[in-house]
Amino acid sequence: SVMYVSMALKARPTAREQATRDHQRMFDAL
């Protein structure tokens, strides 16, 4: 998946911000 994740970050710069919010949600749930 790493190539797809990398390409998504380049295609949509805001994807990293969205991913960071998701990661925080995961951490909080855990």
PDB file of all heavy atoms in Angstrom:
ATOM      1  N   SER A   1       0.798  -1.229   0.000  1.00  0.00           N
ATOM      2  CA  SER A   1       0.000   0.000   0.000  1.00  0.00           C
ATOM      3  C   SER A   1       0.825   1.272   0.000  1.00  0.00           C
ATOM      4  O   SER A   1       0.289   2.347  -0.306  1.00  0.00           O
ATOM      5  CB  SER A   1      -0.920   0.029   1.231  1.00  0.00           C
ATOM      6  OG  SER A   1      -1.851  -1.016   1.207  1.00  0.00           O
ATOM      7  N   VAL A   2       2.115   1.186   0.358  1.00  0.00           N
ATOM      8  CA  VAL A   2       2.864   2.424   0.586  1.00  0.00           C
ATOM      9  C   VAL A   2       2.915   3.304  -0.661  1.00  0.00           C
ATOM     10  O   VAL A   2       2.880   4.536  -0.560  1.00  0.00           O
ATOM     11  CB  VAL A   2       4.291   2.146   1.114  1.00  0.00           C
ATOM     12  CG1 VAL A   2       4.243   1.524   2.501  1.00  0.00           C
ATOM     13  CG2 VAL A   2       5.091   1.290   0.148  1.00  0.00           C
ATOM     14  N   MET A   3       2.992   2.705  -1.850  1.00  0.00           N
ATOM     15  CA  MET A   3       3.027   3.505  -3.073  1.00  0.00           C
ATOM     16  C   MET A   3       1.709   4.236  -3.289  1.00  0.00           C
ATOM     17  O   MET A   3       1.682   5.369  -3.781  1.00  0.00           O
ATOM     18  CB  MET A   3       3.363   2.631  -4.277  1.00  0.00           C
ATOM     19  CG  MET A   3       4.763   2.023  -4.220  1.00  0.00           C
ATOM     20  SD  MET A   3       5.157   0.980  -5.657  1.00  0.00           S
ATOM     21  CE  MET A   3       5.359   2.244  -6.942  1.00  0.00           C
ATOM     22  N   TYR A   4       0.604   3.597  -2.933  1.00  0.00           N
ATOM     23  CA  TYR A   4      -0.708   4.229  -3.091  1.00  0.00           C
ATOM     24  C   TYR A   4      -0.893   5.358  -2.077  1.00  0.00           C
ATOM     25  O   TYR A   4      -1.447   6.413  -2.405  1.00  0.00           O
ATOM     26  CB  TYR A   4      -1.812   3.181  -2.939  1.00  0.00           C
ATOM     27  CG  TYR A   4      -1.809   2.190  -4.070  1.00  0.00           C
ATOM     28  CD1 TYR A   4      -1.106   0.995  -3.978  1.00  0.00           C
ATOM     29  CD2 TYR A   4      -2.469   2.462  -5.264  1.00  0.00           C
ATOM     30  CE1 TYR A   4      -1.073   0.097  -5.025  1.00  0.00           C
ATOM     31  CE2 TYR A   4      -2.454   1.564  -6.322  1.00  0.00           C
ATOM     32  CZ  TYR A   4      -1.742   0.386  -6.197  1.00  0.00           C
ATOM     33  OH  TYR A   4      -1.701  -0.495  -7.245  1.00  0.00           O
ATOM     34  N   VAL A   5      -0.441   5.132  -0.855  1.00  0.00           N
ATOM     35  CA  VAL A   5      -0.530   6.178   0.163  1.00  0.00           C
ATOM     36  C   VAL A   5       0.295   7.383  -0.260  1.00  0.00           C
ATOM     37  O   VAL A   5      -0.147   8.533  -0.168  1.00  0.00           O
ATOM     38  CB  VAL A   5      -0.060   5.644   1.524  1.00  0.00           C
ATOM     39  CG1 VAL A   5       0.001   6.770   2.552  1.00  0.00           C
ATOM     40  CG2 VAL A   5      -0.977   4.530   2.014  1.00  0.00           C
ATOM     41  N   SER A   6       1.502   7.126  -0.750  1.00  0.00           N
ATOM     42  CA  SER A   6       2.383   8.214  -1.183  1.00  0.00           C
ATOM     43  C   SER A   6       1.752   9.007  -2.328  1.00  0.00           C
ATOM     44  O   SER A   6       1.767  10.245  -2.327  1.00  0.00           O
ATOM     45  CB  SER A   6       3.731   7.647  -1.623  1.00  0.00           C
ATOM     46  OG  SER A   6       4.609   8.669  -2.029  1.00  0.00           O
ATOM     47  N   MET A   7       1.176   8.301  -3.290  1.00  0.00           N
ATOM     48  CA  MET A   7       0.566   8.977  -4.423  1.00  0.00           C
ATOM     49  C   MET A   7      -0.657   9.780  -3.988  1.00  0.00           C
ATOM     50  O   MET A   7      -0.915  10.876  -4.494  1.00  0.00           O
ATOM     51  CB  MET A   7       0.177   7.968  -5.496  1.00  0.00           C
ATOM     52  CG  MET A   7      -0.337   8.602  -6.773  1.00  0.00           C
ATOM     53  SD  MET A   7      -0.563   7.388  -8.093  1.00  0.00           S
ATOM     54  CE  MET A   7      -1.178   8.468  -9.400  1.00  0.00           C
ATOM     55  N   ALA A   8      -1.432   9.254  -3.032  1.00  0.00           N
ATOM     56  CA  ALA A   8      -2.600   9.979  -2.537  1.00  0.00           C
ATOM     57  C   ALA A   8      -2.197  11.282  -1.862  1.00  0.00           C
ATOM     58  O   ALA A   8      -2.875  12.305  -2.005  1.00  0.00           O
ATOM     59  CB  ALA A   8      -3.383   9.095  -1.561  1.00  0.00           C
ATOM     60  N   LEU A   9      -1.081  11.269  -1.140  1.00  0.00           N
ATOM     61  CA  LEU A   9      -0.609  12.492  -0.489  1.00  0.00           C
ATOM     62  C   LEU A   9      -0.228  13.554  -1.513  1.00  0.00           C
ATOM     63  O   LEU A   9      -0.454  14.749  -1.295  1.00  0.00           O
ATOM     64  CB  LEU A   9       0.602  12.185   0.399  1.00  0.00           C
ATOM     65  CG  LEU A   9       0.352  11.309   1.633  1.00  0.00           C
ATOM     66  CD1 LEU A   9       1.654  11.101   2.389  1.00  0.00           C
ATOM     67  CD2 LEU A   9      -0.698  11.927   2.547  1.00  0.00           C
ATOM     68  N   LYS A  10       0.350  13.106  -2.631  1.00  0.00           N
ATOM     69  CA  LYS A  10       0.727  14.065  -3.678  1.00  0.00           C
ATOM     70  C   LYS A  10      -0.505  14.563  -4.434  1.00  0.00           C
ATOM     71  O   LYS A  10      -0.581  15.727  -4.828  1.00  0.00           O
ATOM     72  CB  LYS A  10       1.726  13.421  -4.652  1.00  0.00           C
ATOM     73  CG  LYS A  10       3.089  13.144  -4.045  1.00  0.00           C
ATOM     74  CD  LYS A  10       4.129  12.867  -5.098  1.00  0.00           C
ATOM     75  CE  LYS A  10       3.932  11.515  -5.749  1.00  0.00           C
ATOM     76  NZ  LYS A  10       4.326  10.397  -4.865  1.00  0.00           N
ATOM     77  N   ALA A  11      -1.474  13.660  -4.647  1.00  0.00           N
ATOM     78  CA  ALA A  11      -2.663  14.026  -5.416  1.00  0.00           C
ATOM     79  C   ALA A  11      -3.583  14.963  -4.631  1.00  0.00           C
ATOM     80  O   ALA A  11      -4.253  15.812  -5.215  1.00  0.00           O
ATOM     81  CB  ALA A  11      -3.430  12.772  -5.831  1.00  0.00           C
ATOM     82  N   ARG A  12      -3.612  14.795  -3.313  1.00  0.00           N
ATOM     83  CA  ARG A  12      -4.473  15.651  -2.481  1.00  0.00           C
ATOM     84  C   ARG A  12      -3.686  16.054  -1.237  1.00  0.00           C
ATOM     85  O   ARG A  12      -3.608  15.287  -0.265  1.00  0.00           O
ATOM     86  CB  ARG A  12      -5.754  14.933  -2.080  1.00  0.00           C
ATOM     87  CG  ARG A  12      -6.704  15.835  -1.262  1.00  0.00           C
ATOM     88  CD  ARG A  12      -7.859  15.050  -0.683  1.00  0.00           C
ATOM     89  NE  ARG A  12      -8.762  14.526  -1.691  1.00  0.00           N
ATOM     90  CZ  ARG A  12      -9.752  13.666  -1.440  1.00  0.00           C
ATOM     91  NH1 ARG A  12      -9.933  13.241  -0.199  1.00  0.00           N
ATOM     92  NH2 ARG A  12     -10.530  13.240  -2.407  1.00  0.00           N
ATOM     93  N   PRO A  13      -3.099  17.236  -1.216  1.00  0.00           N
ATOM     94  CA  PRO A  13      -2.270  17.675  -0.087  1.00  0.00           C
ATOM     95  C   PRO A  13      -2.987  17.629   1.258  1.00  0.00           C
ATOM     96  O   PRO A  13      -2.349  17.412   2.295  1.00  0.00           O
ATOM     97  CB  PRO A  13      -1.893  19.109  -0.463  1.00  0.00           C
ATOM     98  CG  PRO A  13      -1.940  19.121  -1.954  1.00  0.00           C
ATOM     99  CD  PRO A  13      -3.077  18.209  -2.321  1.00  0.00           C
ATOM    100  N   THR A  14      -4.316  17.810   1.261  1.00  0.00           N
ATOM    101  CA  THR A  14      -5.056  17.787   2.525  1.00  0.00           C
ATOM    102  C   THR A  14      -5.266  16.370   3.056  1.00  0.00           C
ATOM    103  O   THR A  14      -5.757  16.196   4.182  1.00  0.00           O
ATOM    104  CB  THR A  14      -6.430  18.454   2.351  1.00  0.00           C
ATOM    105  OG1 THR A  14      -7.162  17.766   1.319  1.00  0.00           O
ATOM    106  CG2 THR A  14      -6.280  19.922   1.977  1.00  0.00           C
ATOM    107  N   ALA A  15      -4.888  15.351   2.281  1.00  0.00           N
ATOM    108  CA  ALA A  15      -5.085  13.966   2.724  1.00  0.00           C
ATOM    109  C   ALA A  15      -4.286  13.672   3.981  1.00  0.00           C
ATOM    110  O   ALA A  15      -4.732  12.906   4.848  1.00  0.00           O
ATOM    111  CB  ALA A  15      -4.694  12.998   1.607  1.00  0.00           C
ATOM    112  N   ARG A  16      -3.102  14.277   4.098  1.00  0.00           N
ATOM    113  CA  ARG A  16      -2.288  14.030   5.290  1.00  0.00           C
ATOM    114  C   ARG A  16      -2.973  14.590   6.537  1.00  0.00           C
ATOM    115  O   ARG A  16      -2.960  13.945   7.591  1.00  0.00           O
ATOM    116  CB  ARG A  16      -0.897  14.640   5.113  1.00  0.00           C
ATOM    117  CG  ARG A  16       0.000  14.483   6.326  1.00  0.00           C
ATOM    118  CD  ARG A  16       1.442  14.786   6.003  1.00  0.00           C
ATOM    119  NE  ARG A  16       2.221  14.960   7.214  1.00  0.00           N
ATOM    120  CZ  ARG A  16       3.542  15.109   7.250  1.00  0.00           C
ATOM    121  NH1 ARG A  16       4.235  15.093   6.132  1.00  0.00           N
ATOM    122  NH2 ARG A  16       4.179  15.266   8.390  1.00  0.00           N
ATOM    123  N   GLU A  17      -3.580  15.763   6.420  1.00  0.00           N
ATOM    124  CA  GLU A  17      -4.290  16.339   7.565  1.00  0.00           C
ATOM    125  C   GLU A  17      -5.461  15.451   7.972  1.00  0.00           C
ATOM    126  O   GLU A  17      -5.705  15.226   9.166  1.00  0.00           O
ATOM    127  CB  GLU A  17      -4.789  17.735   7.209  1.00  0.00           C
ATOM    128  CG  GLU A  17      -3.684  18.739   6.922  1.00  0.00           C
ATOM    129  CD  GLU A  17      -4.239  20.070   6.451  1.00  0.00           C
ATOM    130  OE1 GLU A  17      -5.473  20.263   6.553  1.00  0.00           O
ATOM    131  OE2 GLU A  17      -3.447  20.905   5.985  1.00  0.00           O
ATOM    132  N   GLN A  18      -6.170  14.946   6.970  1.00  0.00           N
ATOM    133  CA  GLN A  18      -7.304  14.061   7.264  1.00  0.00           C
ATOM    134  C   GLN A  18      -6.811  12.773   7.918  1.00  0.00           C
ATOM    135  O   GLN A  18      -7.417  12.286   8.884  1.00  0.00           O
ATOM    136  CB  GLN A  18      -8.070  13.741   5.982  1.00  0.00           C
ATOM    137  CG  GLN A  18      -9.294  12.856   6.206  1.00  0.00           C
ATOM    138  CD  GLN A  18     -10.026  12.552   4.905  1.00  0.00           C
ATOM    139  OE1 GLN A  18      -9.758  13.160   3.869  1.00  0.00           O
ATOM    140  NE2 GLN A  18     -10.948  11.603   4.951  1.00  0.00           N
ATOM    141  N   ALA A  19      -5.705  12.223   7.406  1.00  0.00           N
ATOM    142  CA  ALA A  19      -5.154  10.999   7.973  1.00  0.00           C
ATOM    143  C   ALA A  19      -4.716  11.220   9.415  1.00  0.00           C
ATOM    144  O   ALA A  19      -4.904  10.349  10.277  1.00  0.00           O
ATOM    145  CB  ALA A  19      -3.980  10.518   7.125  1.00  0.00           C
ATOM    146  N   THR A  20      -4.128  12.382   9.690  1.00  0.00           N
ATOM    147  CA  THR A  20      -3.688  12.682  11.055  1.00  0.00           C
ATOM    148  C   THR A  20      -4.873  12.709  12.013  1.00  0.00           C
ATOM    149  O   THR A  20      -4.796  12.200  13.139  1.00  0.00           O
ATOM    150  CB  THR A  20      -2.950  14.035  11.087  1.00  0.00           C
ATOM    151  OG1 THR A  20      -1.785  13.949  10.261  1.00  0.00           O
ATOM    152  CG2 THR A  20      -2.535  14.402  12.507  1.00  0.00           C
ATOM    153  N   ARG A  21      -5.983  13.287  11.575  1.00  0.00           N
ATOM    154  CA  ARG A  21      -7.186  13.297  12.415  1.00  0.00           C
ATOM    155  C   ARG A  21      -7.686  11.874  12.659  1.00  0.00           C
ATOM    156  O   ARG A  21      -8.088  11.515  13.778  1.00  0.00           O
ATOM    157  CB  ARG A  21      -8.279  14.145  11.765  1.00  0.00           C
ATOM    158  CG  ARG A  21      -7.980  15.642  11.763  1.00  0.00           C
ATOM    159  CD  ARG A  21      -9.221  16.442  11.388  1.00  0.00           C
ATOM    160  NE  ARG A  21      -9.649  16.203  10.017  1.00  0.00           N
ATOM    161  CZ  ARG A  21      -9.221  16.905   8.968  1.00  0.00           C
ATOM    162  NH1 ARG A  21      -8.332  17.880   9.140  1.00  0.00           N
ATOM    163  NH2 ARG A  21      -9.672  16.651   7.748  1.00  0.00           N
ATOM    164  N   ASP A  22      -7.655  11.057  11.610  1.00  0.00           N
ATOM    165  CA  ASP A  22      -8.085   9.666  11.755  1.00  0.00           C
ATOM    166  C   ASP A  22      -7.183   8.909  12.729  1.00  0.00           C
ATOM    167  O   ASP A  22      -7.653   8.124  13.557  1.00  0.00           O
ATOM    168  CB  ASP A  22      -8.065   8.961  10.396  1.00  0.00           C
ATOM    169  CG  ASP A  22      -9.155   9.442   9.466  1.00  0.00           C
ATOM    170  OD1 ASP A  22     -10.067  10.145   9.931  1.00  0.00           O
ATOM    171  OD2 ASP A  22      -9.082   9.114   8.261  1.00  0.00           O
ATOM    172  N   HIS A  23      -5.876   9.137  12.606  1.00  0.00           N
ATOM    173  CA  HIS A  23      -4.927   8.456  13.499  1.00  0.00           C
ATOM    174  C   HIS A  23      -5.165   8.851  14.955  1.00  0.00           C
ATOM    175  O   HIS A  23      -5.065   8.012  15.856  1.00  0.00           O
ATOM    176  CB  HIS A  23      -3.490   8.793  13.086  1.00  0.00           C
ATOM    177  CG  HIS A  23      -3.081   8.189  11.797  1.00  0.00           C
ATOM    178  ND1 HIS A  23      -2.155   8.763  10.967  1.00  0.00           N
ATOM    179  CD2 HIS A  23      -3.478   7.049  11.165  1.00  0.00           C
ATOM    180  CE1 HIS A  23      -1.984   8.017   9.895  1.00  0.00           C
ATOM    181  NE2 HIS A  23      -2.787   6.979   9.990  1.00  0.00           N
ATOM    182  N   GLN A  24      -5.458  10.110  15.179  1.00  0.00           N
ATOM    183  CA  GLN A  24      -5.745  10.547  16.545  1.00  0.00           C
ATOM    184  C   GLN A  24      -7.012   9.879  17.060  1.00  0.00           C
ATOM    185  O   GLN A  24      -7.086   9.474  18.235  1.00  0.00           O
ATOM    186  CB  GLN A  24      -5.893  12.070  16.580  1.00  0.00           C
ATOM    187  CG  GLN A  24      -6.053  12.631  17.990  1.00  0.00           C
ATOM    188  CD  GLN A  24      -4.818  12.418  18.840  1.00  0.00           C
ATOM    189  OE1 GLN A  24      -3.721  12.829  18.472  1.00  0.00           O
ATOM    190  NE2 GLN A  24      -4.995  11.769  19.996  1.00  0.00           N
ATOM    191  N   ARG A  25      -8.019   9.747  16.194  1.00  0.00           N
ATOM    192  CA  ARG A  25      -9.248   9.052  16.587  1.00  0.00           C
ATOM    193  C   ARG A  25      -8.963   7.600  16.961  1.00  0.00           C
ATOM    194  O   ARG A  25      -9.508   7.074  17.939  1.00  0.00           O
ATOM    195  CB  ARG A  25     -10.276   9.085  15.449  1.00  0.00           C
ATOM    196  CG  ARG A  25     -10.948  10.425  15.227  1.00  0.00           C
ATOM    197  CD  ARG A  25     -11.888  10.334  14.027  1.00  0.00           C
ATOM    198  NE  ARG A  25     -12.932   9.332  14.218  1.00  0.00           N
ATOM    199  CZ  ARG A  25     -13.623   8.783  13.228  1.00  0.00           C
ATOM    200  NH1 ARG A  25     -13.363   9.114  11.966  1.00  0.00           N
ATOM    201  NH2 ARG A  25     -14.558   7.892  13.481  1.00  0.00           N
ATOM    202  N   MET A  26      -8.119   6.933  16.169  1.00  0.00           N
ATOM    203  CA  MET A  26      -7.749   5.550  16.480  1.00  0.00           C
ATOM    204  C   MET A  26      -7.056   5.467  17.827  1.00  0.00           C
ATOM    205  O   MET A  26      -7.365   4.601  18.655  1.00  0.00           O
ATOM    206  CB  MET A  26      -6.834   5.001  15.388  1.00  0.00           C
ATOM    207  CG  MET A  26      -7.476   4.790  14.042  1.00  0.00           C
ATOM    208  SD  MET A  26      -6.233   4.253  12.831  1.00  0.00           S
ATOM    209  CE  MET A  26      -6.867   5.043  11.353  1.00  0.00           C
ATOM    210  N   PHE A  27      -6.106   6.377  18.048  1.00  0.00           N
ATOM    211  CA  PHE A  27      -5.355   6.364  19.302  1.00  0.00           C
ATOM    212  C   PHE A  27      -6.290   6.598  20.486  1.00  0.00           C
ATOM    213  O   PHE A  27      -6.197   5.913  21.515  1.00  0.00           O
ATOM    214  CB  PHE A  27      -4.260   7.430  19.271  1.00  0.00           C
ATOM    215  CG  PHE A  27      -3.429   7.479  20.525  1.00  0.00           C
ATOM    216  CD1 PHE A  27      -2.464   6.516  20.773  1.00  0.00           C
ATOM    217  CD2 PHE A  27      -3.635   8.475  21.467  1.00  0.00           C
ATOM    218  CE1 PHE A  27      -1.703   6.545  21.936  1.00  0.00           C
ATOM    219  CE2 PHE A  27      -2.883   8.520  22.630  1.00  0.00           C
ATOM    220  CZ  PHE A  27      -1.908   7.553  22.862  1.00  0.00           C
ATOM    221  N   ASP A  28      -7.203   7.544  20.356  1.00  0.00           N
ATOM    222  CA  ASP A  28      -8.145   7.826  21.437  1.00  0.00           C
ATOM    223  C   ASP A  28      -9.038   6.616  21.711  1.00  0.00           C
ATOM    224  O   ASP A  28      -9.305   6.274  22.875  1.00  0.00           O
ATOM    225  CB  ASP A  28      -9.013   9.035  21.089  1.00  0.00           C
ATOM    226  CG  ASP A  28      -8.220  10.339  21.056  1.00  0.00           C
ATOM    227  OD1 ASP A  28      -7.091  10.361  21.593  1.00  0.00           O
ATOM    228  OD2 ASP A  28      -8.721  11.316  20.464  1.00  0.00           O
ATOM    229  N   ALA A  29      -9.507   5.967  20.637  1.00  0.00           N
ATOM    230  CA  ALA A  29     -10.355   4.785  20.813  1.00  0.00           C
ATOM    231  C   ALA A  29      -9.592   3.655  21.489  1.00  0.00           C
ATOM    232  O   ALA A  29     -10.116   2.976  22.387  1.00  0.00           O
ATOM    233  CB  ALA A  29     -10.894   4.322  19.458  1.00  0.00           C
ATOM    234  N   LEU A  30      -8.354   3.457  21.083  1.00  0.00           N
ATOM    235  CA  LEU A  30      -7.528   2.429  21.713  1.00  0.00           C
ATOM    236  C   LEU A  30      -7.276   2.758  23.179  1.00  0.00           C
ATOM    237  O   LEU A  30      -7.276   1.870  24.042  1.00  0.00           O
ATOM    238  CB  LEU A  30      -6.193   2.302  20.974  1.00  0.00           C
ATOM    239  CG  LEU A  30      -6.241   1.751  19.550  1.00  0.00           C
ATOM    240  CD1 LEU A  30      -4.901   1.958  18.855  1.00  0.00           C
ATOM    241  CD2 LEU A  30      -6.622   0.278  19.539  1.00  0.00           C
TER     242      LEU A  30
END
